[in-house]
Amino acid sequence: MAGQANSRDVVQRPDGSWAVTKPGGERALFTADTQAEAVKRASELLHRDGGGELRIHGADGQVRDQRTIAPGNDPVPPKG
């Protein structure tokens, strides 16, 4: 889903801070001292911008969680 029009990534920067970026982007939209703070801000940005996909990367750079932020359209909604 890289390159999706309305998605954001939370990644760790070399200095240990966490950044909210657009896929493939180098420039941070927002930086925070903690991953939790960056995830919260990224969720707010996506919600405000009409929803979309949020990918949260671990310290190793691998995607460890992916969330659909409302009013985004989750192609595989959970059962129940």
N, C-alpha and C. Protein backbone atom coordinates (compact mmCIF):
# COMPACT_ATOMS: atom_id res chain seq x y z
N MET A 1 0.80 -1.19 0.00
CA MET A 1 0.00 0.00 0.00
C MET A 1 0.84 1.25 0.00
N ALA A 2 2.15 1.10 -0.15
CA ALA A 2 2.99 2.28 -0.22
C ALA A 2 2.53 3.16 -1.37
N GLY A 3 2.53 4.44 -1.13
CA GLY A 3 2.10 5.37 -2.16
C GLY A 3 0.61 5.65 -2.14
N GLN A 4 -0.12 5.01 -1.24
CA GLN A 4 -1.55 5.27 -1.13
C GLN A 4 -1.75 6.75 -0.84
N ALA A 5 -2.75 7.34 -1.47
CA ALA A 5 -2.96 8.79 -1.40
C ALA A 5 -3.04 9.31 0.03
N ASN A 6 -3.76 8.65 0.90
CA ASN A 6 -3.94 9.16 2.25
C ASN A 6 -3.45 8.14 3.27
N SER A 7 -2.16 8.05 3.42
CA SER A 7 -1.57 7.16 4.42
C SER A 7 -0.38 7.87 5.06
N ARG A 8 -0.05 7.42 6.24
CA ARG A 8 1.07 7.99 6.99
C ARG A 8 1.85 6.85 7.63
N ASP A 9 3.13 7.11 7.88
CA ASP A 9 4.00 6.16 8.57
C ASP A 9 4.55 6.82 9.82
N VAL A 10 4.70 6.04 10.89
CA VAL A 10 5.39 6.48 12.10
C VAL A 10 6.70 5.70 12.13
N VAL A 11 7.81 6.43 12.06
CA VAL A 11 9.13 5.80 11.99
C VAL A 11 10.07 6.44 13.00
N GLN A 12 11.06 5.64 13.45
CA GLN A 12 12.06 6.19 14.36
C GLN A 12 13.17 6.85 13.57
N ARG A 13 13.60 8.00 14.02
CA ARG A 13 14.69 8.75 13.38
C ARG A 13 16.02 8.36 14.01
N PRO A 14 17.12 8.64 13.34
CA PRO A 14 18.44 8.28 13.88
C PRO A 14 18.73 8.87 15.27
N ASP A 15 18.14 10.02 15.58
CA ASP A 15 18.38 10.64 16.89
C ASP A 15 17.50 10.03 18.00
N GLY A 16 16.67 9.03 17.66
CA GLY A 16 15.83 8.36 18.64
C GLY A 16 14.42 8.92 18.74
N SER A 17 14.16 10.07 18.12
CA SER A 17 12.81 10.62 18.14
C SER A 17 11.95 9.87 17.11
N TRP A 18 10.66 10.12 17.14
CA TRP A 18 9.72 9.45 16.24
C TRP A 18 9.10 10.48 15.31
N ALA A 19 8.93 10.10 14.05
CA ALA A 19 8.43 11.04 13.05
C ALA A 19 7.21 10.48 12.34
N VAL A 20 6.31 11.38 11.97
CA VAL A 20 5.16 11.05 11.12
C VAL A 20 5.54 11.51 9.72
N THR A 21 5.50 10.58 8.76
CA THR A 21 5.87 10.90 7.39
C THR A 21 4.82 10.38 6.42
N LYS A 22 4.85 10.92 5.21
CA LYS A 22 4.07 10.34 4.12
C LYS A 22 4.92 9.20 3.54
N PRO A 23 4.29 8.17 2.96
CA PRO A 23 5.05 7.06 2.40
C PRO A 23 6.10 7.53 1.40
N GLY A 24 7.32 7.08 1.60
CA GLY A 24 8.41 7.45 0.70
C GLY A 24 8.97 8.83 0.96
N GLY A 25 8.37 9.56 1.88
CA GLY A 25 8.81 10.92 2.16
C GLY A 25 9.97 10.94 3.14
N GLU A 26 10.84 11.89 2.97
CA GLU A 26 11.98 12.07 3.87
C GLU A 26 11.68 13.10 4.96
N ARG A 27 10.87 14.09 4.61
CA ARG A 27 10.58 15.18 5.53
C ARG A 27 9.47 14.79 6.50
N ALA A 28 9.69 15.06 7.78
CA ALA A 28 8.70 14.73 8.80
C ALA A 28 7.58 15.76 8.81
N LEU A 29 6.34 15.27 8.93
CA LEU A 29 5.20 16.16 9.12
C LEU A 29 5.09 16.58 10.58
N PHE A 30 5.60 15.71 11.47
CA PHE A 30 5.52 15.94 12.91
C PHE A 30 6.58 15.06 13.55
N THR A 31 7.22 15.53 14.62
CA THR A 31 8.15 14.71 15.38
C THR A 31 7.75 14.71 16.84
N ALA A 32 8.11 13.63 17.53
CA ALA A 32 7.76 13.48 18.94
C ALA A 32 8.86 12.70 19.65
N ASP A 33 8.90 12.85 20.97
CA ASP A 33 9.88 12.11 21.76
C ASP A 33 9.51 10.64 21.92
N THR A 34 8.19 10.34 21.87
CA THR A 34 7.75 8.95 22.06
C THR A 34 6.96 8.47 20.84
N GLN A 35 6.97 7.16 20.66
CA GLN A 35 6.21 6.57 19.57
C GLN A 35 4.71 6.78 19.79
N ALA A 36 4.26 6.65 21.03
CA ALA A 36 2.83 6.82 21.34
C ALA A 36 2.34 8.21 20.96
N GLU A 37 3.14 9.22 21.24
CA GLU A 37 2.76 10.59 20.90
C GLU A 37 2.68 10.77 19.37
N ALA A 38 3.63 10.17 18.65
CA ALA A 38 3.63 10.26 17.19
C ALA A 38 2.43 9.53 16.60
N VAL A 39 2.07 8.37 17.15
CA VAL A 39 0.91 7.61 16.67
C VAL A 39 -0.37 8.41 16.89
N LYS A 40 -0.48 9.04 18.06
CA LYS A 40 -1.67 9.84 18.36
C LYS A 40 -1.80 11.00 17.36
N ARG A 41 -0.71 11.69 17.10
CA ARG A 41 -0.75 12.83 16.18
C ARG A 41 -1.04 12.38 14.75
N ALA A 42 -0.43 11.26 14.33
CA ALA A 42 -0.67 10.74 12.99
C ALA A 42 -2.14 10.36 12.82
N SER A 43 -2.73 9.76 13.85
CA SER A 43 -4.16 9.40 13.80
C SER A 43 -5.03 10.65 13.66
N GLU A 44 -4.69 11.69 14.40
CA GLU A 44 -5.44 12.94 14.32
C GLU A 44 -5.33 13.55 12.92
N LEU A 45 -4.11 13.55 12.36
CA LEU A 45 -3.91 14.10 11.01
C LEU A 45 -4.73 13.33 9.97
N LEU A 46 -4.69 12.01 10.04
CA LEU A 46 -5.43 11.20 9.07
C LEU A 46 -6.94 11.39 9.23
N HIS A 47 -7.40 11.41 10.46
CA HIS A 47 -8.84 11.61 10.70
C HIS A 47 -9.30 12.95 10.12
N ARG A 48 -8.52 13.98 10.37
CA ARG A 48 -8.84 15.32 9.85
C ARG A 48 -8.83 15.36 8.33
N ASP A 49 -7.93 14.58 7.72
CA ASP A 49 -7.77 14.59 6.27
C ASP A 49 -8.67 13.58 5.55
N GLY A 50 -9.66 13.02 6.24
CA GLY A 50 -10.61 12.13 5.59
C GLY A 50 -10.36 10.65 5.80
N GLY A 51 -9.47 10.31 6.71
CA GLY A 51 -9.19 8.91 7.00
C GLY A 51 -8.13 8.34 6.10
N GLY A 52 -7.66 7.16 6.46
CA GLY A 52 -6.64 6.50 5.66
C GLY A 52 -5.91 5.45 6.47
N GLU A 53 -4.78 5.00 5.95
CA GLU A 53 -4.00 3.94 6.57
C GLU A 53 -2.83 4.50 7.36
N LEU A 54 -2.63 3.97 8.55
CA LEU A 54 -1.51 4.34 9.41
C LEU A 54 -0.64 3.11 9.61
N ARG A 55 0.63 3.21 9.24
CA ARG A 55 1.59 2.13 9.44
C ARG A 55 2.57 2.54 10.52
N ILE A 56 2.70 1.70 11.55
CA ILE A 56 3.59 1.99 12.67
C ILE A 56 4.79 1.06 12.56
N HIS A 57 5.96 1.65 12.44
CA HIS A 57 7.20 0.89 12.30
C HIS A 57 7.86 0.76 13.67
N GLY A 58 8.49 -0.39 13.91
CA GLY A 58 9.26 -0.59 15.14
C GLY A 58 10.62 0.08 15.02
N ALA A 59 11.40 -0.02 16.07
CA ALA A 59 12.75 0.56 16.08
C ALA A 59 13.63 -0.08 15.01
N ASP A 60 13.30 -1.32 14.61
CA ASP A 60 14.08 -2.01 13.58
C ASP A 60 13.67 -1.61 12.16
N GLY A 61 12.66 -0.75 12.04
CA GLY A 61 12.21 -0.27 10.74
C GLY A 61 11.12 -1.09 10.10
N GLN A 62 10.82 -2.27 10.66
CA GLN A 62 9.78 -3.13 10.11
C GLN A 62 8.39 -2.67 10.58
N VAL A 63 7.40 -2.81 9.71
CA VAL A 63 6.02 -2.48 10.08
C VAL A 63 5.56 -3.46 11.15
N ARG A 64 5.14 -2.95 12.30
CA ARG A 64 4.69 -3.83 13.38
C ARG A 64 3.18 -3.73 13.62
N ASP A 65 2.55 -2.69 13.05
CA ASP A 65 1.10 -2.53 13.20
C ASP A 65 0.60 -1.66 12.06
N GLN A 66 -0.62 -1.95 11.61
CA GLN A 66 -1.26 -1.14 10.58
C GLN A 66 -2.70 -0.92 10.99
N ARG A 67 -3.15 0.32 10.88
CA ARG A 67 -4.51 0.66 11.31
C ARG A 67 -5.21 1.48 10.24
N THR A 68 -6.52 1.27 10.13
CA THR A 68 -7.33 2.12 9.28
C THR A 68 -7.97 3.17 10.18
N ILE A 69 -7.75 4.42 9.84
CA ILE A 69 -8.27 5.53 10.63
C ILE A 69 -9.55 6.04 9.97
N ALA A 70 -10.62 6.10 10.74
CA ALA A 70 -11.91 6.56 10.24
C ALA A 70 -11.78 8.00 9.75
N PRO A 71 -12.52 8.39 8.76
CA PRO A 71 -13.51 7.64 8.02
C PRO A 71 -12.94 6.85 6.86
N GLY A 72 -11.76 6.29 7.04
CA GLY A 72 -11.16 5.45 6.01
C GLY A 72 -12.00 4.21 5.76
N ASN A 73 -11.77 3.55 4.65
CA ASN A 73 -12.53 2.36 4.27
C ASN A 73 -11.65 1.14 4.45
N ASP A 74 -11.93 0.33 5.48
CA ASP A 74 -11.17 -0.89 5.74
C ASP A 74 -11.68 -1.98 4.80
N PRO A 75 -10.84 -2.47 3.88
CA PRO A 75 -11.29 -3.47 2.93
C PRO A 75 -11.61 -4.82 3.57
N VAL A 76 -11.10 -5.07 4.78
CA VAL A 76 -11.36 -6.33 5.46
C VAL A 76 -11.83 -6.02 6.88
N PRO A 77 -13.11 -5.66 7.04
CA PRO A 77 -13.57 -5.31 8.39
C PRO A 77 -13.59 -6.54 9.29
N PRO A 78 -13.37 -6.34 10.59
CA PRO A 78 -13.39 -7.48 11.52
C PRO A 78 -14.79 -8.07 11.66
N LYS A 79 -14.85 -9.38 11.93
CA LYS A 79 -16.14 -10.04 12.12
C LYS A 79 -16.68 -9.71 13.49
N GLY A 80 -18.01 -9.64 13.58
CA GLY A 80 -18.66 -9.47 14.87
C GLY A 80 -18.87 -8.10 15.19
